[in-house]
Amino acid sequence: MIQNPILPGFNPDPSIVRVGDDYYIATSTFEWFPGVQIHHSRDLANWELITRPLDRSNQLDMIGNPDSGGVWAPCLSHCDGIFYLIYTDVKQWTGTRHKITHNYLVTAIDIRGPWSDPIYLDSSGFDASLFHDSDGHKWYLSMIWDHRLDRNQFAGTLLQEFDPETKKLVGPQRNIFKGSDLKLTEGPHLYQKDGYYYLLTAEGGTSYEHAVTMARSKGIYGPYEIDPDNPFITSRYDPEAKLQKAGHSSLVDTPAGEWYAVHLCGRPIHVDSGSSRENKDSISQRTIKPEQARRCILGRETAIQKVDWPEGGWPKLAHGTCVPAETIESLSTSYGTNRSLRDDFEDDKLNIHFQSLRRPIEPSWLDLKARPGWLRLRGEEPTTSNFRQSLVARRIQSLNTQTTTSVEFYPKNFKHAAGLIAYYDTGNHYYLHISSDEERGRHLAIIRYDAGVYSEFPESAVPLFQETEIYLRVSIKSGQLQFSYSYNQGEWTNIGPTFDSTILSDDYHTLGFTGAFVGVCAQDLSGQRLHADFDWFDYQEL
């Protein structure tokens, strides 16, 4: 059996490709750097994160990008020994009818790189993809964004030929598909089978009405007929399905001729594996508030479904319904990998699971050599900055986690801070940090940004009289988040109230597309770049 989701915790918009016996899935990373996660599998059940191709600022410059901007919906493909990766860098997407969406292509011979410098394609929309036709032609697809009033902003699907020799789009642009009644048509992918071109699109928006639409045509330009039984995949009709938000899909065949679909999904905590169905008396279920129940604190994830695709017929999910299944039959077994991680910072490179915000990790602000065995962060801008934060973090991939770190930091005034952060975006995060002020001297304190509103908790502040390292911890259990600290790791003391962890989700306050992270960061708002040293970082899935 394969257990869904196969890529838990902030791994949305999957694009899957097979090369021989190897499968690869690329997923969106938005404002997190390096850009695009690529996982590898040999059995479709067990997946390993192996690379992030966009690792240079000339490939991806996100300084100043808004929250949930950056890399949207990559498309990974392979043809004639070359990997092709198309991605959108979104510079503006909210607060205006306009969107700034630049689409690029990079290539590589080896999936692990090096990947080429980017080729600019266009800025017509987002969710672009590349289709390699059996006749040797290559076709570029993208949704079309229309900013005009009284128009459908999701204006259809652009098709244009891509010339691999000149590395340019050539020939006429055509709008080949304007979508179904589900609307909000995006994420186009083309496939060729049994004399048809099959067009797969995401529709309904990327929340609880999300869906996958299938259409087909005998000619690549259309017209495209929509499957009479559309949608192909959705959970919009089953509010109790554990995999909600099902949509944004791509397809792959196996060497044996079987077909599978990977798709985006989300798991609201009211249907998590420890609550509503199996154990209505569980602690997590009793403490979940109604307003929290529909929030997906793990973000949008990736699941897989087996597909029946008869010759000349429409593809259908093998279990006989469009609602995605939690488990699917397979010759392989998903081992339920525990993604716990401890990094003692002994290597000269960070563990692959760490990412930074908007910019590359460089020795100018993150140094693994200045003090061997420690990670040194030089403080820069505040946790609300869209520019240069000294922050590294990893995604949360389980509903119950405990993250601990050890930090040495000696602030001189209130403009200095360093510590442990639970982060969704610049407007939603919790931060347990060491700072200093005129009354308390060096101390531990908590700040919260909740829907952009800043809060301090002075009643919870703890003076730090010992000039030594301090151990910081954050524990997250479904809808709850608790900070604690220790001087010796043997006795832990809670600090601050029990917080609502669900503000770290797409579903809270305003629309977002990422997921919850835990990490370490440092600030020096005076511009002098005072450093903090972290001895280790330990993330445990419980």
Protein backbone atom coordinates (compact mmCIF):
# COMPACT_ATOMS: atom_id res chain seq x y z
CA MET A 1 0.00 0.00 0.00
CA ILE A 2 1.02 3.60 -0.59
CA GLN A 3 0.10 6.03 2.19
CA ASN A 4 -0.97 9.55 1.24
CA PRO A 5 0.26 12.20 1.20
CA ILE A 6 3.53 10.97 -0.29
CA LEU A 7 5.15 14.41 0.14
CA PRO A 8 3.78 15.80 3.42
CA GLY A 9 4.06 19.38 4.56
CA PHE A 10 4.22 22.29 2.04
CA ASN A 11 4.88 20.42 -1.20
CA PRO A 12 2.22 21.80 -3.58
CA ASP A 13 1.64 21.86 -7.34
CA PRO A 14 3.38 18.56 -8.17
CA SER A 15 4.88 17.93 -11.60
CA ILE A 16 5.97 14.32 -12.10
CA VAL A 17 8.21 12.75 -14.74
CA ARG A 18 9.67 9.27 -15.25
CA VAL A 19 13.12 8.66 -16.72
CA GLY A 20 13.68 4.92 -17.10
CA ASP A 21 12.91 3.42 -13.69
CA ASP A 22 13.35 6.71 -11.84
CA TYR A 23 10.51 9.04 -10.90
CA TYR A 24 10.93 12.71 -10.03
CA ILE A 25 8.43 15.20 -8.60
CA ALA A 26 8.99 18.97 -8.65
CA THR A 27 6.97 21.15 -6.27
CA SER A 28 6.54 24.87 -5.62
CA THR A 29 8.68 26.73 -3.07
CA PHE A 30 7.31 30.32 -3.34
CA GLU A 31 9.55 32.79 -1.41
CA TRP A 32 11.82 30.08 0.04
CA PHE A 33 15.33 29.67 -1.40
CA PRO A 34 16.74 27.60 -3.15
CA GLY A 35 13.77 27.34 -5.49
CA VAL A 36 11.81 24.20 -6.52
CA GLN A 37 11.98 20.99 -4.50
CA ILE A 38 12.70 17.79 -6.45
CA HIS A 39 12.03 14.41 -4.84
CA HIS A 40 13.12 11.05 -6.26
CA SER A 41 11.59 7.57 -6.03
CA ARG A 42 11.98 4.16 -7.63
CA ASP A 43 8.63 2.78 -6.44
CA LEU A 44 6.19 5.74 -6.24
CA ALA A 45 5.76 5.06 -2.52
CA ASN A 46 8.99 6.22 -0.90
CA TRP A 47 10.42 9.62 -1.80
CA GLU A 48 13.66 11.42 -1.02
CA LEU A 49 14.40 15.12 -1.40
CA ILE A 50 17.49 15.21 -3.64
CA THR A 51 17.92 18.74 -4.99
CA ARG A 52 16.65 22.29 -5.43
CA PRO A 53 17.77 23.45 -8.90
CA LEU A 54 17.32 27.22 -8.54
CA ASP A 55 20.28 27.83 -6.26
CA ARG A 56 21.80 31.01 -7.73
CA SER A 57 20.54 34.57 -7.64
CA ASN A 58 20.85 34.89 -11.43
CA GLN A 59 18.30 32.06 -11.69
CA LEU A 60 16.01 33.40 -8.98
CA ASP A 61 16.24 36.89 -7.47
CA MET A 62 13.40 37.20 -4.96
CA ILE A 63 14.63 40.15 -2.88
CA GLY A 64 11.51 42.20 -2.22
CA ASN A 65 9.06 39.55 -3.41
CA PRO A 66 5.80 39.48 -1.42
CA ASP A 67 4.71 36.67 0.86
CA SER A 68 3.60 33.70 -1.25
CA GLY A 69 5.26 35.25 -4.30
CA GLY A 70 8.32 33.71 -5.91
CA VAL A 71 8.22 30.24 -7.46
CA TRP A 72 4.75 29.10 -8.50
CA ALA A 73 3.92 25.72 -10.05
CA PRO A 74 7.07 24.40 -11.74
CA CYS A 75 6.89 21.94 -14.63
CA LEU A 76 9.57 19.24 -14.84
CA SER A 77 9.95 17.27 -18.08
CA HIS A 78 12.58 15.18 -19.85
CA CYS A 79 13.32 14.64 -23.54
CA ASP A 80 16.34 13.36 -25.49
CA GLY A 81 18.57 13.21 -22.42
CA ILE A 82 17.76 16.71 -21.16
CA PHE A 83 15.72 17.77 -18.14
CA TYR A 84 13.58 20.88 -18.67
CA LEU A 85 12.28 22.92 -15.74
CA ILE A 86 9.84 25.78 -16.28
CA TYR A 87 8.93 28.04 -13.37
CA THR A 88 7.18 31.32 -12.65
CA ASP A 89 8.75 34.03 -10.48
CA VAL A 90 5.81 36.04 -9.13
CA LYS A 91 6.74 39.61 -8.21
CA GLN A 92 3.23 40.87 -7.45
CA TRP A 93 0.00 38.97 -7.00
CA THR A 94 -2.26 40.51 -4.36
CA GLY A 95 -3.85 43.87 -3.65
CA THR A 96 -4.22 44.70 -7.34
CA ARG A 97 -5.89 43.30 -10.44
CA HIS A 98 -2.48 43.09 -12.09
CA LYS A 99 -0.05 40.24 -11.53
CA ILE A 100 3.67 40.38 -12.34
CA THR A 101 4.51 36.82 -13.41
CA HIS A 102 7.78 36.13 -15.24
CA ASN A 103 8.23 32.65 -16.73
CA TYR A 104 11.64 31.05 -17.21
CA LEU A 105 13.23 27.80 -18.39
CA VAL A 106 16.38 26.08 -17.09
CA THR A 107 17.86 22.79 -18.31
CA ALA A 108 20.27 20.12 -17.08
CA ILE A 109 21.69 16.78 -18.19
CA ASP A 110 21.79 15.48 -14.60
CA ILE A 111 18.79 16.04 -12.31
CA ARG A 112 21.21 17.11 -9.56
CA GLY A 113 22.69 19.76 -11.79
CA PRO A 114 24.35 21.91 -12.69
CA TRP A 115 21.29 23.67 -14.07
CA SER A 116 21.65 26.31 -16.77
CA ASP A 117 21.18 30.04 -16.52
CA PRO A 118 17.53 30.92 -17.05
CA ILE A 119 15.90 31.56 -20.42
CA TYR A 120 13.14 34.15 -20.21
CA LEU A 121 9.93 32.99 -21.90
CA ASP A 122 7.11 35.45 -21.23
CA SER A 123 4.95 37.11 -18.57
CA SER A 124 1.46 36.30 -19.88
CA GLY A 125 0.36 34.34 -16.82
CA PHE A 126 1.59 31.62 -14.49
CA ASP A 127 1.68 27.82 -14.08
CA ALA A 128 3.53 27.38 -17.36
CA SER A 129 4.53 23.97 -18.73
CA LEU A 130 6.35 22.36 -21.67
CA PHE A 131 4.96 19.54 -23.82
CA HIS A 132 7.27 17.42 -26.00
CA ASP A 133 5.17 16.23 -28.95
CA SER A 134 5.82 12.87 -30.60
CA ASP A 135 6.55 14.66 -33.88
CA GLY A 136 9.51 16.50 -32.32
CA HIS A 137 7.83 19.84 -31.71
CA LYS A 138 7.87 21.45 -28.28
CA TRP A 139 4.87 23.41 -27.05
CA TYR A 140 4.70 25.99 -24.30
CA LEU A 141 1.49 26.30 -22.26
CA SER A 142 0.45 28.85 -19.67
CA MET A 143 -2.73 30.18 -18.16
CA ILE A 144 -3.56 33.72 -19.36
CA TRP A 145 -4.14 36.45 -16.75
CA ASP A 146 -6.58 39.22 -17.77
CA HIS A 147 -6.52 42.23 -15.43
CA ARG A 148 -9.39 44.12 -17.09
CA LEU A 149 -12.61 44.85 -15.25
CA ASP A 150 -15.66 42.71 -16.09
CA ARG A 151 -13.45 40.04 -17.61
CA ASN A 152 -12.61 36.50 -16.55
CA GLN A 153 -9.17 36.99 -15.02
CA PHE A 154 -8.39 33.31 -15.66
CA ALA A 155 -8.79 33.92 -19.35
CA GLY A 156 -7.76 30.57 -20.80
CA THR A 157 -4.81 28.42 -21.80
CA LEU A 158 -2.06 29.82 -24.01
CA LEU A 159 -0.33 27.51 -26.52
CA GLN A 160 2.79 28.55 -28.45
CA GLU A 161 5.67 26.65 -30.00
CA PHE A 162 9.10 26.68 -28.33
CA ASP A 163 12.18 26.44 -30.55
CA PRO A 164 14.95 24.56 -28.68
CA GLU A 165 17.60 25.80 -31.12
CA THR A 166 16.99 29.53 -30.67
CA LYS A 167 15.56 28.97 -27.16
CA LYS A 168 12.66 31.26 -27.97
CA LEU A 169 8.89 31.10 -28.32
CA VAL A 170 7.98 31.21 -31.99
CA GLY A 171 4.85 31.37 -34.11
CA PRO A 172 1.34 32.40 -33.18
CA GLN A 173 -0.12 32.35 -29.67
CA ARG A 174 -3.47 30.60 -29.38
CA ASN A 175 -6.01 30.37 -26.58
CA ILE A 176 -6.89 26.68 -26.84
CA PHE A 177 -9.11 26.18 -23.77
CA LYS A 178 -11.15 28.60 -21.69
CA GLY A 179 -12.08 26.11 -19.00
CA SER A 180 -15.17 24.42 -17.63
CA ASP A 181 -17.97 25.63 -15.37
CA LEU A 182 -15.63 25.03 -12.42
CA LYS A 183 -13.75 28.20 -13.51
CA LEU A 184 -10.38 29.59 -12.34
CA THR A 185 -8.59 27.56 -15.01
CA GLU A 186 -4.82 27.20 -14.45
CA GLY A 187 -2.00 24.65 -14.27
CA PRO A 188 -2.22 23.23 -17.84
CA HIS A 189 -0.41 20.02 -18.82
CA LEU A 190 -0.66 18.20 -22.16
CA TYR A 191 -0.41 14.43 -22.76
CA GLN A 192 -0.65 12.34 -25.90
CA LYS A 193 -2.41 8.96 -25.97
CA ASP A 194 -4.40 6.86 -28.45
CA GLY A 195 -4.59 9.59 -31.08
CA TYR A 196 -5.75 12.30 -28.66
CA TYR A 197 -4.17 15.27 -26.98
CA TYR A 198 -5.33 15.26 -23.37
CA LEU A 199 -5.32 18.62 -21.58
CA LEU A 200 -5.20 18.49 -17.80
CA THR A 201 -5.96 21.71 -15.91
CA ALA A 202 -6.50 22.81 -12.32
CA GLU A 203 -9.77 24.61 -11.64
CA GLY A 204 -11.92 25.91 -8.81
CA GLY A 205 -9.14 27.75 -6.95
CA THR A 206 -6.54 26.19 -4.69
CA SER A 207 -8.73 25.84 -1.59
CA TYR A 208 -11.72 23.64 -0.74
CA GLU A 209 -13.34 23.98 -4.18
CA HIS A 210 -10.17 22.87 -5.97
CA ALA A 211 -10.45 20.29 -8.76
CA VAL A 212 -8.77 18.73 -11.78
CA THR A 213 -10.42 18.98 -15.19
CA MET A 214 -9.69 16.70 -18.15
CA ALA A 215 -10.34 17.64 -21.79
CA ARG A 216 -9.17 16.18 -25.09
CA SER A 217 -8.86 16.90 -28.79
CA LYS A 218 -7.70 15.14 -31.95
CA GLY A 219 -5.61 18.21 -32.84
CA ILE A 220 -3.29 20.13 -30.56
CA TYR A 221 -5.09 23.44 -31.25
CA GLY A 222 -8.46 21.99 -30.29
CA PRO A 223 -11.34 22.28 -29.93
CA TYR A 224 -11.07 20.47 -26.59
CA GLU A 225 -14.00 18.37 -25.38
CA ILE A 226 -14.43 18.18 -21.60
CA ASP A 227 -14.86 14.76 -20.00
CA PRO A 228 -18.62 14.27 -19.49
CA ASP A 229 -17.88 12.96 -15.98
CA ASN A 230 -15.65 15.89 -15.06
CA PRO A 231 -14.02 16.57 -12.60
CA PHE A 232 -11.24 14.03 -12.82
CA ILE A 233 -10.11 14.64 -9.21
CA THR A 234 -11.71 16.70 -6.43
CA SER A 235 -12.74 16.53 -2.77
CA ARG A 236 -15.17 19.46 -3.00
CA TYR A 237 -18.15 17.11 -2.69
CA ASP A 238 -16.95 15.29 0.45
CA PRO A 239 -16.24 17.59 3.43
CA GLU A 240 -15.19 14.61 5.56
CA ALA A 241 -12.54 13.33 3.15
CA LYS A 242 -9.16 13.38 4.85
CA LEU A 243 -7.49 14.69 1.70
CA GLN A 244 -9.15 18.04 1.02
CA LYS A 245 -8.33 20.74 -1.56
CA ALA A 246 -7.56 18.04 -4.16
CA GLY A 247 -6.42 19.57 -7.44
CA HIS A 248 -3.44 20.70 -9.52
CA SER A 249 -2.35 17.35 -10.92
CA SER A 250 0.04 15.75 -13.36
CA LEU A 251 0.26 12.23 -14.82
CA VAL A 252 2.93 9.59 -15.26
CA ASP A 253 3.06 6.10 -16.73
CA THR A 254 5.12 3.18 -15.41
CA PRO A 255 7.35 0.88 -17.48
CA ALA A 256 4.54 -1.69 -17.17
CA GLY A 257 2.02 0.69 -18.75
CA GLU A 258 0.13 1.65 -15.59
CA TRP A 259 -0.88 5.26 -14.98
CA TYR A 260 -0.76 7.39 -11.84
CA ALA A 261 -1.78 10.95 -11.01
CA VAL A 262 -0.04 13.10 -8.42
CA HIS A 263 -2.06 16.01 -7.06
CA LEU A 264 -2.13 18.75 -4.50
CA CYS A 265 -4.08 18.18 -1.28
CA GLY A 266 -4.48 19.58 2.24
CA ARG A 267 -5.32 17.98 5.58
CA PRO A 268 -7.49 20.10 7.90
CA ILE A 269 -6.92 19.22 11.53
CA HIS A 270 -10.55 18.23 12.11
CA VAL A 271 -9.98 15.13 9.98
CA ASP A 272 -6.38 14.41 10.99
CA SER A 273 -5.31 10.83 11.67
CA GLY A 274 -5.65 11.17 15.43
CA SER A 275 -9.03 12.79 15.67
CA SER A 276 -12.50 12.89 14.27
CA ARG A 277 -12.99 9.43 12.80
CA GLU A 278 -10.75 7.05 14.73
CA ASN A 279 -10.70 8.71 18.15
CA LYS A 280 -13.32 11.32 18.91
CA ASP A 281 -12.09 11.62 22.50
CA SER A 282 -8.47 12.37 21.62
CA ILE A 283 -6.79 15.37 23.24
CA SER A 284 -6.28 17.11 19.91
CA GLN A 285 -9.97 16.77 19.03
CA ARG A 286 -11.18 18.16 22.37
CA THR A 287 -8.94 21.23 22.10
CA ILE A 288 -9.65 22.17 18.49
CA LYS A 289 -11.86 25.23 18.23
CA PRO A 290 -14.48 25.51 15.46
CA GLU A 291 -12.61 28.34 13.75
CA GLN A 292 -9.44 26.19 13.66
CA ALA A 293 -10.99 23.01 12.31
CA ARG A 294 -10.70 23.77 8.60
CA ARG A 295 -7.12 25.03 8.75
CA CYS A 296 -4.32 22.97 7.21
CA ILE A 297 -1.27 23.71 9.35
CA LEU A 298 0.92 21.52 7.12
CA GLY A 299 0.12 23.59 4.06
CA ARG A 300 -0.66 22.04 0.69
CA GLU A 301 0.86 18.59 0.18
CA THR A 302 1.28 16.02 -2.59
CA ALA A 303 -0.69 12.78 -2.90
CA ILE A 304 -0.80 10.06 -5.54
CA GLN A 305 -3.68 8.09 -7.08
CA LYS A 306 -3.77 5.09 -9.38
CA VAL A 307 -5.52 5.76 -12.69
CA ASP A 308 -7.43 3.45 -15.03
CA TRP A 309 -7.02 4.67 -18.60
CA PRO A 310 -8.67 2.37 -21.17
CA GLU A 311 -7.58 2.68 -24.78
CA GLY A 312 -9.47 5.53 -26.41
CA GLY A 313 -11.34 6.25 -23.19
CA TRP A 314 -11.22 8.84 -20.44
CA PRO A 315 -8.86 8.36 -17.50
CA LYS A 316 -10.55 7.73 -14.12
CA LEU A 317 -9.26 7.19 -10.61
CA ALA A 318 -8.92 3.44 -10.16
CA HIS A 319 -10.99 3.28 -6.96
CA GLY A 320 -14.06 4.48 -8.87
CA THR A 321 -14.63 8.01 -7.58
CA CYS A 322 -13.13 11.43 -8.19
CA VAL A 323 -12.49 11.89 -4.45
CA PRO A 324 -8.85 11.01 -3.66
CA ALA A 325 -8.01 8.00 -1.52
CA GLU A 326 -5.80 7.99 1.59
CA THR A 327 -4.17 4.72 0.60
CA ILE A 328 -3.83 3.01 -2.76
CA GLU A 329 -2.92 -0.54 -3.63
CA SER A 330 0.57 -1.01 -4.98
CA LEU A 331 3.31 -3.60 -5.20
CA SER A 332 5.35 -1.12 -3.19
CA THR A 333 4.93 -0.20 0.46
CA SER A 334 5.23 3.25 1.95
CA TYR A 335 7.32 2.99 5.06
CA GLY A 336 5.91 6.13 6.65
CA THR A 337 9.32 7.77 6.83
CA ASN A 338 9.94 9.80 9.97
CA ARG A 339 11.55 13.02 8.83
CA SER A 340 13.11 13.88 12.17
CA LEU A 341 16.38 15.72 11.81
CA ARG A 342 19.28 16.66 14.03
CA ASP A 343 22.02 18.86 12.58
CA ASP A 344 25.12 19.48 14.71
CA PHE A 345 26.52 21.85 12.07
CA GLU A 346 29.71 19.80 11.69
CA ASP A 347 29.65 19.96 7.88
CA ASP A 348 30.45 22.96 5.70
CA LYS A 349 26.98 22.73 4.12
CA LEU A 350 23.57 22.85 5.73
CA ASN A 351 21.30 19.85 5.66
CA ILE A 352 19.19 19.87 2.48
CA HIS A 353 15.96 20.35 4.45
CA PHE A 354 16.92 23.91 5.45
CA GLN A 355 15.90 26.90 3.34
CA SER A 356 16.27 30.66 3.59
CA LEU A 357 13.89 33.47 2.74
CA ARG A 358 14.23 35.10 -0.70
CA ARG A 359 18.04 34.98 -0.99
CA PRO A 360 20.90 32.47 -1.19
CA ILE A 361 22.61 31.20 1.94
CA GLU A 362 26.02 32.88 1.87
CA PRO A 363 28.90 33.27 4.40
CA SER A 364 28.21 36.99 4.57
CA TRP A 365 25.22 36.26 6.83
CA LEU A 366 25.32 32.50 7.61
CA ASP A 367 28.74 31.09 8.47
CA LEU A 368 29.54 27.45 9.27
CA LYS A 369 33.31 28.01 9.44
CA ALA A 370 33.75 31.03 11.74
CA ARG A 371 33.22 28.76 14.76
CA PRO A 372 33.54 25.11 13.73
CA GLY A 373 30.62 22.98 14.89
CA TRP A 374 28.34 26.01 15.20
CA LEU A 375 26.05 27.91 12.86
CA ARG A 376 26.72 31.65 13.05
CA LEU A 377 24.00 34.07 11.98
CA ARG A 378 24.82 37.73 11.56
CA GLY A 379 21.76 39.74 12.50
CA GLU A 380 20.07 41.75 9.81
CA GLU A 381 16.46 42.82 9.15
CA PRO A 382 13.29 42.13 11.21
CA THR A 383 11.05 39.08 10.83
CA THR A 384 8.65 41.24 8.79
CA SER A 385 11.21 42.02 6.06
CA ASN A 386 10.69 41.03 2.43
CA PHE A 387 14.36 41.69 1.74
CA ARG A 388 17.27 40.40 3.85
CA GLN A 389 16.35 38.25 6.81
CA SER A 390 19.01 36.19 8.61
CA LEU A 391 16.72 33.18 8.93
CA VAL A 392 17.02 29.48 8.09
CA ALA A 393 14.21 27.02 8.68
CA ARG A 394 12.72 23.70 7.67
CA ARG A 395 9.12 22.88 6.82
CA ILE A 396 6.91 21.18 9.40
CA GLN A 397 5.79 17.82 8.00
CA SER A 398 3.84 16.31 10.90
CA LEU A 399 0.93 17.49 13.02
CA ASN A 400 2.94 16.82 16.18
CA THR A 401 6.53 18.06 16.36
CA GLN A 402 9.13 19.18 18.87
CA THR A 403 12.00 21.42 17.77
CA THR A 404 14.95 22.33 19.98
CA THR A 405 18.09 24.39 19.55
CA SER A 406 21.02 25.67 21.59
CA VAL A 407 22.08 29.30 21.18
CA GLU A 408 24.77 31.63 22.50
CA PHE A 409 23.89 35.28 22.06
CA TYR A 410 24.84 38.39 24.01
CA PRO A 411 22.70 41.34 22.86
CA LYS A 412 23.64 44.89 23.79
CA ASN A 413 20.26 46.55 23.45
CA PHE A 414 16.65 46.11 22.32
CA LYS A 415 17.61 46.21 18.63
CA HIS A 416 19.36 42.85 18.96
CA ALA A 417 17.49 39.52 18.97
CA ALA A 418 18.15 35.87 18.13
CA GLY A 419 16.34 32.62 18.78
CA LEU A 420 13.78 30.05 17.64
CA ILE A 421 10.93 30.93 15.29
CA ALA A 422 7.71 29.21 14.18
CA TYR A 423 7.02 30.92 10.87
CA TYR A 424 4.36 31.07 8.17
CA ASP A 425 5.08 34.47 6.63
CA THR A 426 5.96 38.03 7.58
CA GLY A 427 2.48 38.62 8.99
CA ASN A 428 2.03 35.34 10.88
CA HIS A 429 4.72 33.92 13.17
CA TYR A 430 5.82 33.30 16.75
CA TYR A 431 9.33 34.11 17.92
CA LEU A 432 11.06 33.05 21.17
CA HIS A 433 14.23 35.12 21.33
CA ILE A 434 17.03 36.50 23.46
CA SER A 435 17.23 40.29 23.60
CA SER A 436 18.22 43.04 26.04
CA ASP A 437 16.65 46.22 27.42
CA GLU A 438 17.10 48.87 30.10
CA GLU A 439 14.92 47.19 32.76
CA ARG A 440 15.56 43.46 32.39
CA GLY A 441 18.99 43.29 30.81
CA ARG A 442 19.58 40.09 28.84
CA HIS A 443 16.33 38.14 28.77
CA LEU A 444 14.06 35.71 26.94
CA ALA A 445 10.89 37.08 25.36
CA ILE A 446 8.16 36.20 22.87
CA ILE A 447 6.71 38.22 20.05
CA ARG A 448 3.80 37.31 17.82
CA TYR A 449 2.67 38.59 14.47
CA ASP A 450 -0.97 37.60 14.00
CA ALA A 451 -2.55 38.75 10.73
CA GLY A 452 0.08 41.49 10.67
CA VAL A 453 -0.67 42.69 14.21
CA TYR A 454 2.39 42.83 16.48
CA SER A 455 2.17 41.63 20.10
CA GLU A 456 4.63 41.34 22.99
CA PHE A 457 4.19 39.26 26.12
CA PRO A 458 6.17 41.12 28.81
CA GLU A 459 4.59 39.13 31.63
CA SER A 460 6.30 36.02 30.21
CA ALA A 461 9.78 37.52 29.84
CA VAL A 462 12.55 35.66 31.72
CA PRO A 463 15.78 37.41 32.84
CA LEU A 464 18.92 35.47 31.86
CA PHE A 465 21.49 35.94 34.61
CA GLN A 466 23.86 33.20 33.45
CA GLU A 467 26.37 34.15 30.74
CA THR A 468 26.00 30.84 28.92
CA GLU A 469 24.18 29.13 26.08
CA ILE A 470 20.44 28.63 26.47
CA TYR A 471 18.26 25.83 25.13
CA LEU A 472 15.04 26.81 23.34
CA ARG A 473 12.15 24.56 22.31
CA VAL A 474 8.84 24.82 20.47
CA SER A 475 6.27 22.01 20.66
CA ILE A 476 3.37 21.90 18.19
CA LYS A 477 0.43 19.55 18.69
CA SER A 478 -2.31 19.99 16.09
CA GLY A 479 -3.86 23.34 17.01
CA GLN A 480 -1.53 24.24 19.88
CA LEU A 481 1.97 25.71 20.12
CA GLN A 482 4.07 25.97 23.30
CA PHE A 483 7.53 27.46 23.84
CA SER A 484 9.89 26.31 26.61
CA TYR A 485 13.51 26.82 27.69
CA SER A 486 16.22 25.16 29.74
CA TYR A 487 19.70 25.81 31.09
CA ASN A 488 20.75 22.14 31.10
CA GLN A 489 18.27 20.23 28.87
CA GLY A 490 17.17 18.26 31.93
CA GLU A 491 14.55 20.63 33.27
CA TRP A 492 12.30 22.39 30.82
CA THR A 493 10.15 25.37 31.77
CA ASN A 494 7.24 26.57 29.67
CA ILE A 495 7.37 30.21 28.69
CA GLY A 496 4.37 32.21 27.59
CA PRO A 497 0.82 30.99 26.99
CA THR A 498 -0.27 28.12 24.80
CA PHE A 499 -0.65 29.70 21.36
CA ASP A 500 -2.86 28.91 18.38
CA SER A 501 -0.65 27.10 15.85
CA THR A 502 -3.26 27.36 13.09
CA ILE A 503 -2.38 30.98 12.34
CA LEU A 504 0.58 29.35 10.56
CA SER A 505 -1.63 28.13 7.72
CA ASP A 506 -2.93 29.10 4.28
CA ASP A 507 -6.46 29.20 5.63
CA TYR A 508 -5.93 31.90 8.25
CA HIS A 509 -6.86 35.56 7.70
CA THR A 510 -5.70 36.14 4.12
CA LEU A 511 -4.98 33.82 1.22
CA GLY A 512 -1.47 32.33 1.20
CA PHE A 513 0.18 29.35 -0.44
CA THR A 514 3.07 28.10 1.69
CA GLY A 515 3.20 26.24 5.02
CA ALA A 516 4.56 26.29 8.56
CA PHE A 517 8.32 26.28 9.20
CA VAL A 518 10.49 26.07 12.31
CA GLY A 519 13.93 27.62 12.30
CA VAL A 520 16.49 29.97 13.79
CA CYS A 521 17.07 33.63 13.06
CA ALA A 522 18.89 36.76 14.24
CA GLN A 523 18.22 40.49 13.98
CA ASP A 524 20.36 43.56 14.43
CA LEU A 525 18.15 46.53 13.68
CA SER A 526 21.05 48.94 14.23
CA GLY A 527 22.79 47.62 11.13
CA GLN A 528 25.95 46.49 12.97
CA ARG A 529 25.24 42.76 12.27
CA LEU A 530 25.82 41.39 15.76
CA HIS A 531 26.08 37.60 15.49
CA ALA A 532 24.41 34.69 17.27
CA ASP A 533 25.88 31.16 17.42
CA PHE A 534 23.71 28.03 17.30
CA ASP A 535 25.31 24.73 18.42
CA TRP A 536 22.72 22.37 16.95
CA PHE A 537 19.15 22.10 15.67
CA ASP A 538 16.87 19.16 16.45
CA TYR A 539 13.47 18.62 14.75
CA GLN A 540 11.47 15.60 15.95
CA GLU A 541 8.19 14.22 14.59
CA LEU A 542 6.27 12.71 17.48
